Amino acid sequence: MQALTFKENHTNFHIGNLLSKIGNWTVFQAVDSNGFLGSIHIFKNEAINNKNNLS
């Protein structure tokens, strides 16, 4: 599991699994509010401020 934070809004974050990095894009599967892996998100790498591994 990883947590992603973003440059534009440091309070906005997603928790889930990094699926792949393709060129300038990161494909991420987020955990939903019930704790299940849910939607797939695609982010530009430059929009991501920080990636943290969760244990």
Protein backbone atom coordinates (compact mmCIF):
# COMPACT_ATOMS: atom_id res chain seq x y z
CA MET A 1 0.00 0.00 0.00
CA GLN A 2 1.08 3.53 -0.73
CA ALA A 3 -0.16 7.01 0.03
CA LEU A 4 0.03 9.72 -2.64
CA THR A 5 -0.10 13.43 -1.84
CA PHE A 6 -0.42 16.16 -4.45
CA LYS A 7 1.32 19.46 -5.17
CA GLU A 8 -1.81 21.58 -5.65
CA ASN A 9 -3.55 20.47 -2.46
CA HIS A 10 -1.37 18.92 0.26
CA THR A 11 -4.43 17.79 2.24
CA ASN A 12 -5.68 15.73 -0.72
CA PHE A 13 -4.34 12.17 -0.72
CA HIS A 14 -5.12 8.67 -1.95
CA ILE A 15 -4.25 5.34 -0.30
CA GLY A 16 -3.95 2.22 -2.42
CA ASN A 17 -1.69 0.30 -4.80
CA LEU A 18 0.59 1.70 -7.44
CA LEU A 19 -0.25 -0.40 -10.51
CA SER A 20 2.20 1.03 -13.03
CA LYS A 21 4.09 4.03 -14.31
CA ILE A 22 3.77 4.64 -18.04
CA GLY A 23 5.78 7.53 -19.41
CA ASN A 24 4.68 10.65 -17.50
CA TRP A 25 1.66 8.91 -15.95
CA THR A 26 1.04 6.90 -12.76
CA VAL A 27 -1.80 4.35 -12.63
CA PHE A 28 -3.10 3.88 -9.09
CA GLN A 29 -5.87 1.73 -7.57
CA ALA A 30 -7.37 3.54 -4.57
CA VAL A 31 -8.93 2.15 -1.41
CA ASP A 32 -12.57 3.26 -1.05
CA SER A 33 -14.27 4.50 2.12
CA ASN A 34 -15.21 0.89 3.06
CA GLY A 35 -11.58 -0.27 2.93
CA PHE A 36 -11.84 -2.16 -0.36
CA LEU A 37 -9.69 -1.63 -3.42
CA GLY A 38 -11.86 0.35 -5.77
CA SER A 39 -11.43 2.82 -8.57
CA ILE A 40 -8.45 3.22 -10.86
CA HIS A 41 -6.93 6.71 -11.06
CA ILE A 42 -4.45 8.05 -13.59
CA PHE A 43 -2.25 10.96 -12.48
CA LYS A 44 0.46 12.97 -14.19
CA ASN A 45 3.72 12.32 -12.35
CA GLU A 46 4.39 16.05 -11.99
CA ALA A 47 1.11 16.48 -10.02
CA ILE A 48 2.26 14.02 -7.34
CA ASN A 49 4.13 15.64 -4.48
CA ASN A 50 5.05 12.57 -2.46
CA LYS A 51 4.72 8.78 -2.49
CA ASN A 52 4.92 7.00 0.86
CA ASN A 53 4.99 3.26 1.43
CA LEU A 54 2.61 2.24 4.23
CA SER A 55 3.31 -0.68 6.51
